Amino acid sequence: MYTPAEVRALTPVRSSVENLAKQPDLRDVFLCHAWDDRKGAAKELHDLLESCGVSVWFSEKDVGLGMPLLRTIDKGLANSRIGIVLVTPALLRRLPTEGIADKELSALLAGDRLIPIVHETTYEALREVSPLLGSRSGLNTLEEPMTDVAAKLAELVAL
């Protein structure tokens, strides 16, 4: 069940998903995460989403050896219906260094296709590092388990 606040926050994202449904070969979700989370929380969320039937662009599987990293990420962003940002303490440490996650976040903030997933941190901590991302409503694993977050995301992108 969605809370009323989640319904208000996620309705524009759902509209974007429906509008993009006409374009073939798009991934459902682009998963932005900190490098430090690639084998932990990001992998867990990726696996849960895929088990729900969601196609996920995930750097750990979509960037092959010898591929140009930034160009591959750019194509992943362009070919995904929505973006989710897994906000963890590691991401909050990485964003000020203006690395790859910061570049992904900049691109995702440009539209109504972004959902922050706050995990093992708080929105208050997020707003201190990224007021723009912190102003977006999203989902929080302190309020519900990652399995429920993945199920909500799967329902959101289902066509």
N, C-alpha and C. Protein backbone atom coordinates (compact mmCIF):
# COMPACT_ATOMS: atom_id res chain seq x y z
N MET A 1 0.84 -1.19 0.00
CA MET A 1 0.00 0.00 0.00
C MET A 1 0.88 1.25 0.00
N TYR A 2 0.50 2.20 -0.81
CA TYR A 2 1.20 3.47 -0.86
C TYR A 2 0.58 4.41 0.16
N THR A 3 1.41 5.25 0.76
CA THR A 3 0.90 6.30 1.62
C THR A 3 0.39 7.42 0.71
N PRO A 4 -0.48 8.30 1.21
CA PRO A 4 -0.93 9.43 0.38
C PRO A 4 0.24 10.28 -0.13
N ALA A 5 1.26 10.47 0.69
CA ALA A 5 2.42 11.25 0.26
C ALA A 5 3.16 10.55 -0.87
N GLU A 6 3.27 9.22 -0.80
CA GLU A 6 3.92 8.48 -1.87
C GLU A 6 3.12 8.56 -3.16
N VAL A 7 1.80 8.52 -3.07
CA VAL A 7 0.96 8.63 -4.26
C VAL A 7 1.19 9.99 -4.93
N ARG A 8 1.19 11.06 -4.13
CA ARG A 8 1.43 12.40 -4.69
C ARG A 8 2.81 12.49 -5.32
N ALA A 9 3.80 11.94 -4.67
CA ALA A 9 5.18 12.05 -5.16
C ALA A 9 5.43 11.19 -6.39
N LEU A 10 4.81 10.03 -6.45
CA LEU A 10 5.12 9.08 -7.52
C LEU A 10 4.22 9.20 -8.75
N THR A 11 3.13 9.94 -8.65
CA THR A 11 2.23 10.10 -9.79
C THR A 11 2.92 10.73 -11.01
N PRO A 12 3.74 11.79 -10.85
CA PRO A 12 4.43 12.32 -12.04
C PRO A 12 5.39 11.31 -12.66
N VAL A 13 6.02 10.48 -11.83
CA VAL A 13 6.93 9.47 -12.34
C VAL A 13 6.14 8.45 -13.15
N ARG A 14 5.00 8.04 -12.63
CA ARG A 14 4.15 7.08 -13.34
C ARG A 14 3.72 7.64 -14.69
N SER A 15 3.38 8.92 -14.73
CA SER A 15 3.00 9.56 -16.00
C SER A 15 4.15 9.50 -17.00
N SER A 16 5.36 9.73 -16.52
CA SER A 16 6.53 9.64 -17.41
C SER A 16 6.71 8.22 -17.93
N VAL A 17 6.51 7.24 -17.06
CA VAL A 17 6.63 5.83 -17.47
C VAL A 17 5.62 5.53 -18.57
N GLU A 18 4.38 5.98 -18.39
CA GLU A 18 3.34 5.71 -19.39
C GLU A 18 3.66 6.40 -20.71
N ASN A 19 4.19 7.61 -20.65
CA ASN A 19 4.55 8.32 -21.88
C ASN A 19 5.70 7.64 -22.61
N LEU A 20 6.64 7.09 -21.87
CA LEU A 20 7.79 6.44 -22.48
C LEU A 20 7.50 5.01 -22.91
N ALA A 21 6.35 4.49 -22.54
CA ALA A 21 6.01 3.10 -22.87
C ALA A 21 5.97 2.87 -24.38
N LYS A 22 5.75 3.91 -25.13
CA LYS A 22 5.67 3.78 -26.58
C LYS A 22 7.03 3.57 -27.23
N GLN A 23 8.10 3.84 -26.48
CA GLN A 23 9.44 3.68 -27.03
C GLN A 23 9.93 2.26 -26.76
N PRO A 24 10.33 1.56 -27.79
CA PRO A 24 10.79 0.17 -27.60
C PRO A 24 12.18 0.12 -26.98
N ASP A 25 12.48 -1.00 -26.40
CA ASP A 25 13.82 -1.32 -25.92
C ASP A 25 14.34 -0.44 -24.79
N LEU A 26 13.46 0.12 -24.00
CA LEU A 26 13.90 0.87 -22.83
C LEU A 26 13.96 -0.04 -21.62
N ARG A 27 14.94 0.17 -20.78
CA ARG A 27 14.95 -0.50 -19.49
C ARG A 27 13.91 0.18 -18.61
N ASP A 28 13.40 -0.55 -17.65
CA ASP A 28 12.44 0.06 -16.73
C ASP A 28 13.12 1.06 -15.81
N VAL A 29 14.31 0.70 -15.30
CA VAL A 29 14.95 1.47 -14.24
C VAL A 29 16.45 1.60 -14.49
N PHE A 30 16.97 2.78 -14.23
CA PHE A 30 18.40 3.02 -14.15
C PHE A 30 18.73 3.13 -12.67
N LEU A 31 19.64 2.29 -12.18
CA LEU A 31 19.99 2.28 -10.77
C LEU A 31 21.29 3.04 -10.54
N CYS A 32 21.17 4.22 -9.94
CA CYS A 32 22.31 5.05 -9.56
C CYS A 32 22.68 4.69 -8.12
N HIS A 33 23.97 4.46 -7.89
CA HIS A 33 24.42 4.06 -6.56
C HIS A 33 25.88 4.42 -6.37
N ALA A 34 26.33 4.38 -5.13
CA ALA A 34 27.74 4.60 -4.85
C ALA A 34 28.53 3.34 -5.18
N TRP A 35 29.74 3.53 -5.63
CA TRP A 35 30.62 2.41 -5.96
C TRP A 35 30.73 1.45 -4.77
N ASP A 36 30.81 1.98 -3.56
CA ASP A 36 30.97 1.15 -2.36
C ASP A 36 29.77 0.23 -2.13
N ASP A 37 28.62 0.55 -2.70
CA ASP A 37 27.40 -0.24 -2.48
C ASP A 37 27.16 -1.29 -3.56
N ARG A 38 28.05 -1.37 -4.54
CA ARG A 38 27.80 -2.22 -5.71
C ARG A 38 27.64 -3.69 -5.38
N LYS A 39 28.27 -4.17 -4.33
CA LYS A 39 28.15 -5.58 -3.97
C LYS A 39 27.24 -5.80 -2.76
N GLY A 40 26.71 -4.71 -2.21
CA GLY A 40 25.85 -4.80 -1.04
C GLY A 40 24.43 -4.37 -1.36
N ALA A 41 24.06 -3.19 -0.86
CA ALA A 41 22.68 -2.71 -0.98
C ALA A 41 22.24 -2.54 -2.43
N ALA A 42 23.12 -2.05 -3.30
CA ALA A 42 22.74 -1.85 -4.71
C ALA A 42 22.48 -3.19 -5.38
N LYS A 43 23.32 -4.16 -5.13
CA LYS A 43 23.11 -5.50 -5.69
C LYS A 43 21.83 -6.12 -5.15
N GLU A 44 21.57 -5.93 -3.85
CA GLU A 44 20.33 -6.45 -3.26
C GLU A 44 19.11 -5.84 -3.94
N LEU A 45 19.11 -4.51 -4.10
CA LEU A 45 17.97 -3.85 -4.74
C LEU A 45 17.85 -4.30 -6.19
N HIS A 46 18.95 -4.37 -6.91
CA HIS A 46 18.93 -4.86 -8.29
C HIS A 46 18.29 -6.23 -8.37
N ASP A 47 18.75 -7.15 -7.52
CA ASP A 47 18.25 -8.52 -7.56
C ASP A 47 16.76 -8.59 -7.20
N LEU A 48 16.35 -7.81 -6.22
CA LEU A 48 14.93 -7.79 -5.84
C LEU A 48 14.07 -7.25 -6.98
N LEU A 49 14.52 -6.19 -7.63
CA LEU A 49 13.77 -5.62 -8.74
C LEU A 49 13.66 -6.62 -9.89
N GLU A 50 14.77 -7.24 -10.24
CA GLU A 50 14.72 -8.21 -11.33
C GLU A 50 13.83 -9.40 -10.98
N SER A 51 13.80 -9.80 -9.72
CA SER A 51 12.93 -10.91 -9.33
C SER A 51 11.45 -10.52 -9.42
N CYS A 52 11.19 -9.21 -9.44
CA CYS A 52 9.82 -8.70 -9.62
C CYS A 52 9.51 -8.44 -11.09
N GLY A 53 10.44 -8.80 -11.99
CA GLY A 53 10.20 -8.62 -13.42
C GLY A 53 10.59 -7.26 -13.96
N VAL A 54 11.35 -6.48 -13.20
CA VAL A 54 11.78 -5.14 -13.62
C VAL A 54 13.12 -5.27 -14.34
N SER A 55 13.24 -4.66 -15.51
CA SER A 55 14.54 -4.64 -16.20
C SER A 55 15.33 -3.44 -15.65
N VAL A 56 16.53 -3.73 -15.18
CA VAL A 56 17.34 -2.74 -14.46
C VAL A 56 18.66 -2.51 -15.18
N TRP A 57 18.98 -1.24 -15.44
CA TRP A 57 20.31 -0.89 -15.91
C TRP A 57 21.17 -0.76 -14.65
N PHE A 58 22.18 -1.60 -14.55
CA PHE A 58 23.03 -1.68 -13.36
C PHE A 58 24.47 -1.79 -13.84
N SER A 59 25.29 -0.84 -13.47
CA SER A 59 26.66 -0.78 -13.99
C SER A 59 27.43 -2.08 -13.79
N GLU A 60 27.16 -2.79 -12.73
CA GLU A 60 27.90 -4.01 -12.46
C GLU A 60 27.69 -5.07 -13.54
N LYS A 61 26.57 -5.03 -14.22
CA LYS A 61 26.34 -6.02 -15.28
C LYS A 61 26.32 -5.39 -16.67
N ASP A 62 26.12 -4.07 -16.76
CA ASP A 62 25.95 -3.45 -18.06
C ASP A 62 27.18 -2.73 -18.60
N VAL A 63 28.21 -2.59 -17.79
CA VAL A 63 29.45 -1.99 -18.27
C VAL A 63 30.47 -3.12 -18.37
N GLY A 64 30.75 -3.52 -19.60
CA GLY A 64 31.68 -4.62 -19.83
C GLY A 64 33.12 -4.14 -19.88
N LEU A 65 34.03 -5.09 -19.82
CA LEU A 65 35.45 -4.77 -19.90
C LEU A 65 35.75 -4.05 -21.21
N GLY A 66 36.51 -3.00 -21.11
CA GLY A 66 36.92 -2.26 -22.29
C GLY A 66 35.89 -1.27 -22.82
N MET A 67 34.71 -1.24 -22.22
CA MET A 67 33.68 -0.30 -22.68
C MET A 67 33.96 1.08 -22.09
N PRO A 68 33.69 2.14 -22.84
CA PRO A 68 33.88 3.50 -22.30
C PRO A 68 32.83 3.77 -21.21
N LEU A 69 33.27 3.91 -19.97
CA LEU A 69 32.37 3.99 -18.82
C LEU A 69 31.34 5.11 -18.94
N LEU A 70 31.78 6.34 -19.13
CA LEU A 70 30.83 7.45 -19.15
C LEU A 70 29.86 7.36 -20.32
N ARG A 71 30.32 6.96 -21.46
CA ARG A 71 29.41 6.85 -22.62
C ARG A 71 28.40 5.73 -22.42
N THR A 72 28.83 4.63 -21.80
CA THR A 72 27.92 3.52 -21.53
C THR A 72 26.86 3.95 -20.51
N ILE A 73 27.27 4.69 -19.49
CA ILE A 73 26.32 5.21 -18.50
C ILE A 73 25.35 6.17 -19.17
N ASP A 74 25.87 7.03 -20.03
CA ASP A 74 25.03 7.99 -20.75
C ASP A 74 23.95 7.27 -21.55
N LYS A 75 24.33 6.21 -22.24
CA LYS A 75 23.34 5.42 -23.00
C LYS A 75 22.34 4.76 -22.06
N GLY A 76 22.82 4.27 -20.90
CA GLY A 76 21.92 3.67 -19.92
C GLY A 76 20.90 4.66 -19.41
N LEU A 77 21.34 5.87 -19.14
CA LEU A 77 20.41 6.92 -18.69
C LEU A 77 19.38 7.23 -19.77
N ALA A 78 19.84 7.36 -21.00
CA ALA A 78 18.94 7.70 -22.10
C ALA A 78 17.94 6.59 -22.40
N ASN A 79 18.31 5.36 -22.10
CA ASN A 79 17.47 4.22 -22.46
C ASN A 79 16.79 3.56 -21.26
N SER A 80 16.46 4.37 -20.27
CA SER A 80 15.74 3.88 -19.09
C SER A 80 14.51 4.75 -18.86
N ARG A 81 13.42 4.11 -18.46
CA ARG A 81 12.17 4.85 -18.23
C ARG A 81 12.27 5.78 -17.02
N ILE A 82 12.83 5.27 -15.92
CA ILE A 82 13.00 6.09 -14.73
C ILE A 82 14.38 5.84 -14.13
N GLY A 83 14.78 6.72 -13.25
CA GLY A 83 16.01 6.54 -12.50
C GLY A 83 15.70 6.45 -11.02
N ILE A 84 16.40 5.55 -10.37
CA ILE A 84 16.32 5.51 -8.91
C ILE A 84 17.72 5.75 -8.39
N VAL A 85 17.81 6.49 -7.30
CA VAL A 85 19.08 6.77 -6.66
C VAL A 85 19.05 6.11 -5.30
N LEU A 86 19.94 5.16 -5.09
CA LEU A 86 20.05 4.50 -3.81
C LEU A 86 20.90 5.38 -2.91
N VAL A 87 20.24 6.06 -1.98
CA VAL A 87 20.91 7.01 -1.09
C VAL A 87 21.35 6.27 0.16
N THR A 88 22.64 6.10 0.30
CA THR A 88 23.23 5.42 1.44
C THR A 88 24.30 6.34 2.05
N PRO A 89 24.81 5.99 3.21
CA PRO A 89 25.93 6.79 3.74
C PRO A 89 27.10 6.87 2.75
N ALA A 90 27.36 5.79 2.03
CA ALA A 90 28.45 5.81 1.04
C ALA A 90 28.17 6.82 -0.07
N LEU A 91 26.93 6.88 -0.56
CA LEU A 91 26.59 7.86 -1.59
C LEU A 91 26.74 9.28 -1.06
N LEU A 92 26.31 9.50 0.17
CA LEU A 92 26.42 10.84 0.75
C LEU A 92 27.88 11.27 0.89
N ARG A 93 28.77 10.32 1.11
CA ARG A 93 30.21 10.63 1.17
C ARG A 93 30.77 10.90 -0.22
N ARG A 94 30.25 10.21 -1.23
CA ARG A 94 30.79 10.30 -2.59
C ARG A 94 30.31 11.54 -3.36
N LEU A 95 29.08 11.96 -3.15
CA LEU A 95 28.54 13.06 -3.95
C LEU A 95 29.40 14.32 -3.92
N PRO A 96 29.90 14.74 -2.76
CA PRO A 96 30.74 15.96 -2.78
C PRO A 96 32.03 15.83 -3.58
N THR A 97 32.46 14.62 -3.87
CA THR A 97 33.70 14.44 -4.65
C THR A 97 33.46 14.58 -6.15
N GLU A 98 32.18 14.74 -6.53
CA GLU A 98 31.79 14.96 -7.92
C GLU A 98 32.28 13.85 -8.86
N GLY A 99 32.08 12.62 -8.43
CA GLY A 99 32.44 11.47 -9.24
C GLY A 99 31.32 11.07 -10.18
N ILE A 100 31.32 9.81 -10.55
CA ILE A 100 30.35 9.31 -11.52
C ILE A 100 28.93 9.35 -10.99
N ALA A 101 28.71 8.96 -9.74
CA ALA A 101 27.35 9.01 -9.17
C ALA A 101 26.81 10.44 -9.20
N ASP A 102 27.67 11.42 -8.98
CA ASP A 102 27.24 12.81 -9.03
C ASP A 102 26.81 13.19 -10.45
N LYS A 103 27.51 12.70 -11.44
CA LYS A 103 27.15 12.99 -12.84
C LYS A 103 25.80 12.33 -13.18
N GLU A 104 25.63 11.08 -12.74
CA GLU A 104 24.36 10.40 -12.97
C GLU A 104 23.22 11.16 -12.30
N LEU A 105 23.44 11.56 -11.07
CA LEU A 105 22.42 12.29 -10.32
C LEU A 105 22.07 13.60 -11.02
N SER A 106 23.06 14.30 -11.52
CA SER A 106 22.79 15.56 -12.24
C SER A 106 21.87 15.33 -13.43
N ALA A 107 22.12 14.27 -14.17
CA ALA A 107 21.27 13.96 -15.33
C ALA A 107 19.86 13.58 -14.87
N LEU A 108 19.76 12.80 -13.82
CA LEU A 108 18.45 12.34 -13.35
C LEU A 108 17.61 13.47 -12.75
N LEU A 109 18.26 14.43 -12.13
CA LEU A 109 17.54 15.54 -11.52
C LEU A 109 16.86 16.44 -12.55
N ALA A 110 17.23 16.30 -13.81
CA ALA A 110 16.70 17.17 -14.86
C ALA A 110 15.26 16.87 -15.23
N GLY A 111 14.68 15.77 -14.76
CA GLY A 111 13.32 15.43 -15.18
C GLY A 111 12.47 14.86 -14.06
N ASP A 112 11.26 14.49 -14.42
CA ASP A 112 10.31 13.90 -13.47
C ASP A 112 10.37 12.38 -13.49
N ARG A 113 11.57 11.87 -13.59
CA ARG A 113 11.72 10.42 -13.69
C ARG A 113 12.68 9.90 -12.63
N LEU A 114 12.69 10.53 -11.46
CA LEU A 114 13.68 10.21 -10.44
C LEU A 114 13.02 9.89 -9.11
N ILE A 115 13.45 8.78 -8.51
CA ILE A 115 12.95 8.41 -7.19
C ILE A 115 14.15 8.10 -6.29
N PRO A 116 14.30 8.85 -5.20
CA PRO A 116 15.34 8.48 -4.25
C PRO A 116 14.86 7.33 -3.37
N ILE A 117 15.76 6.40 -3.10
CA ILE A 117 15.51 5.30 -2.17
C ILE A 117 16.51 5.50 -1.04
N VAL A 118 16.02 5.96 0.10
CA VAL A 118 16.88 6.25 1.24
C VAL A 118 17.07 4.96 2.03
N HIS A 119 18.35 4.59 2.22
CA HIS A 119 18.69 3.31 2.86
C HIS A 119 19.81 3.53 3.88
N GLU A 120 19.53 3.19 5.12
CA GLU A 120 20.51 3.31 6.22
C GLU A 120 20.99 4.73 6.45
N THR A 121 20.16 5.70 6.09
CA THR A 121 20.44 7.11 6.37
C THR A 121 19.09 7.82 6.45
N THR A 122 19.09 9.14 6.45
CA THR A 122 17.85 9.90 6.59
C THR A 122 17.74 10.96 5.50
N TYR A 123 16.53 11.45 5.31
CA TYR A 123 16.33 12.56 4.38
C TYR A 123 17.04 13.82 4.87
N GLU A 124 17.13 13.99 6.19
CA GLU A 124 17.83 15.16 6.72
C GLU A 124 19.30 15.14 6.30
N ALA A 125 19.94 13.97 6.42
CA ALA A 125 21.34 13.84 6.00
C ALA A 125 21.46 14.06 4.49
N LEU A 126 20.49 13.57 3.73
CA LEU A 126 20.50 13.76 2.28
C LEU A 126 20.39 15.24 1.93
N ARG A 127 19.48 15.95 2.58
CA ARG A 127 19.30 17.38 2.27
C ARG A 127 20.55 18.20 2.57
N GLU A 128 21.38 17.76 3.52
CA GLU A 128 22.62 18.48 3.82
C GLU A 128 23.61 18.35 2.66
N VAL A 129 23.57 17.25 1.93
CA VAL A 129 24.50 17.01 0.83
C VAL A 129 23.91 17.40 -0.52
N SER A 130 22.61 17.12 -0.70
CA SER A 130 21.95 17.42 -1.98
C SER A 130 20.53 17.93 -1.72
N PRO A 131 20.39 19.23 -1.54
CA PRO A 131 19.04 19.78 -1.29
C PRO A 131 18.06 19.45 -2.41
N LEU A 132 18.51 19.42 -3.66
CA LEU A 132 17.61 19.11 -4.78
C LEU A 132 17.09 17.68 -4.70
N LEU A 133 17.97 16.72 -4.48
CA LEU A 133 17.53 15.34 -4.36
C LEU A 133 16.72 15.15 -3.09
N GLY A 134 17.14 15.82 -2.01
CA GLY A 134 16.42 15.72 -0.75
C GLY A 134 15.03 16.31 -0.80
N SER A 135 14.77 17.16 -1.79
CA SER A 135 13.43 17.74 -1.93
C SER A 135 12.47 16.80 -2.64
N ARG A 136 13.00 15.73 -3.24
CA ARG A 136 12.16 14.75 -3.94
C ARG A 136 11.64 13.73 -2.94
N SER A 137 10.37 13.45 -3.02
CA SER A 137 9.82 12.38 -2.20
C SER A 137 10.20 11.05 -2.82
N GLY A 138 10.40 10.08 -1.97
CA GLY A 138 10.77 8.78 -2.45
C GLY A 138 10.37 7.71 -1.46
N LEU A 139 11.17 6.68 -1.39
CA LEU A 139 10.90 5.56 -0.51
C LEU A 139 12.04 5.42 0.47
N ASN A 140 11.76 4.83 1.63
CA ASN A 140 12.72 4.79 2.72
C ASN A 140 12.72 3.40 3.34
N THR A 141 13.88 2.76 3.36
CA THR A 141 13.95 1.41 3.92
C THR A 141 13.93 1.40 5.45
N LEU A 142 13.97 2.56 6.07
CA LEU A 142 13.75 2.62 7.52
C LEU A 142 12.27 2.46 7.84
N GLU A 143 11.42 2.77 6.87
CA GLU A 143 9.97 2.68 7.06
C GLU A 143 9.39 1.37 6.56
N GLU A 144 10.05 0.74 5.60
CA GLU A 144 9.59 -0.53 5.06
C GLU A 144 10.79 -1.29 4.51
N PRO A 145 10.73 -2.61 4.53
CA PRO A 145 11.89 -3.39 4.07
C PRO A 145 12.16 -3.21 2.58
N MET A 146 13.38 -3.51 2.20
CA MET A 146 13.81 -3.37 0.81
C MET A 146 12.92 -4.19 -0.13
N THR A 147 12.41 -5.34 0.33
CA THR A 147 11.52 -6.14 -0.51
C THR A 147 10.25 -5.37 -0.85
N ASP A 148 9.70 -4.63 0.10
CA ASP A 148 8.50 -3.83 -0.16
C ASP A 148 8.81 -2.65 -1.07
N VAL A 149 9.97 -2.04 -0.89
CA VAL A 149 10.38 -0.94 -1.76
C VAL A 149 10.48 -1.44 -3.20
N ALA A 150 11.11 -2.60 -3.39
CA ALA A 150 11.24 -3.17 -4.73
C ALA A 150 9.87 -3.48 -5.33
N ALA A 151 8.96 -4.00 -4.52
CA ALA A 151 7.61 -4.31 -5.02
C ALA A 151 6.88 -3.04 -5.46
N LYS A 152 7.03 -1.96 -4.69
CA LYS A 152 6.39 -0.69 -5.07
C LYS A 152 6.98 -0.16 -6.37
N LEU A 153 8.28 -0.24 -6.52
CA LEU A 153 8.92 0.22 -7.75
C LEU A 153 8.47 -0.63 -8.93
N ALA A 154 8.35 -1.94 -8.73
CA ALA A 154 7.90 -2.83 -9.80
C ALA A 154 6.47 -2.48 -10.22
N GLU A 155 5.63 -2.20 -9.26
CA GLU A 155 4.26 -1.81 -9.58
C GLU A 155 4.22 -0.47 -10.31
N LEU A 156 5.10 0.44 -9.92
CA LEU A 156 5.15 1.76 -10.54
C LEU A 156 5.53 1.69 -12.01
N VAL A 157 6.45 0.82 -12.37
CA VAL A 157 6.91 0.76 -13.76
C VAL A 157 6.20 -0.29 -14.60
N ALA A 158 5.28 -1.04 -13.98
CA ALA A 158 4.55 -2.06 -14.74
C ALA A 158 3.68 -1.38 -15.79
N LEU A 159 3.68 -1.92 -17.00
CA LEU A 159 2.89 -1.33 -18.08
C LEU A 159 1.68 -2.20 -18.38
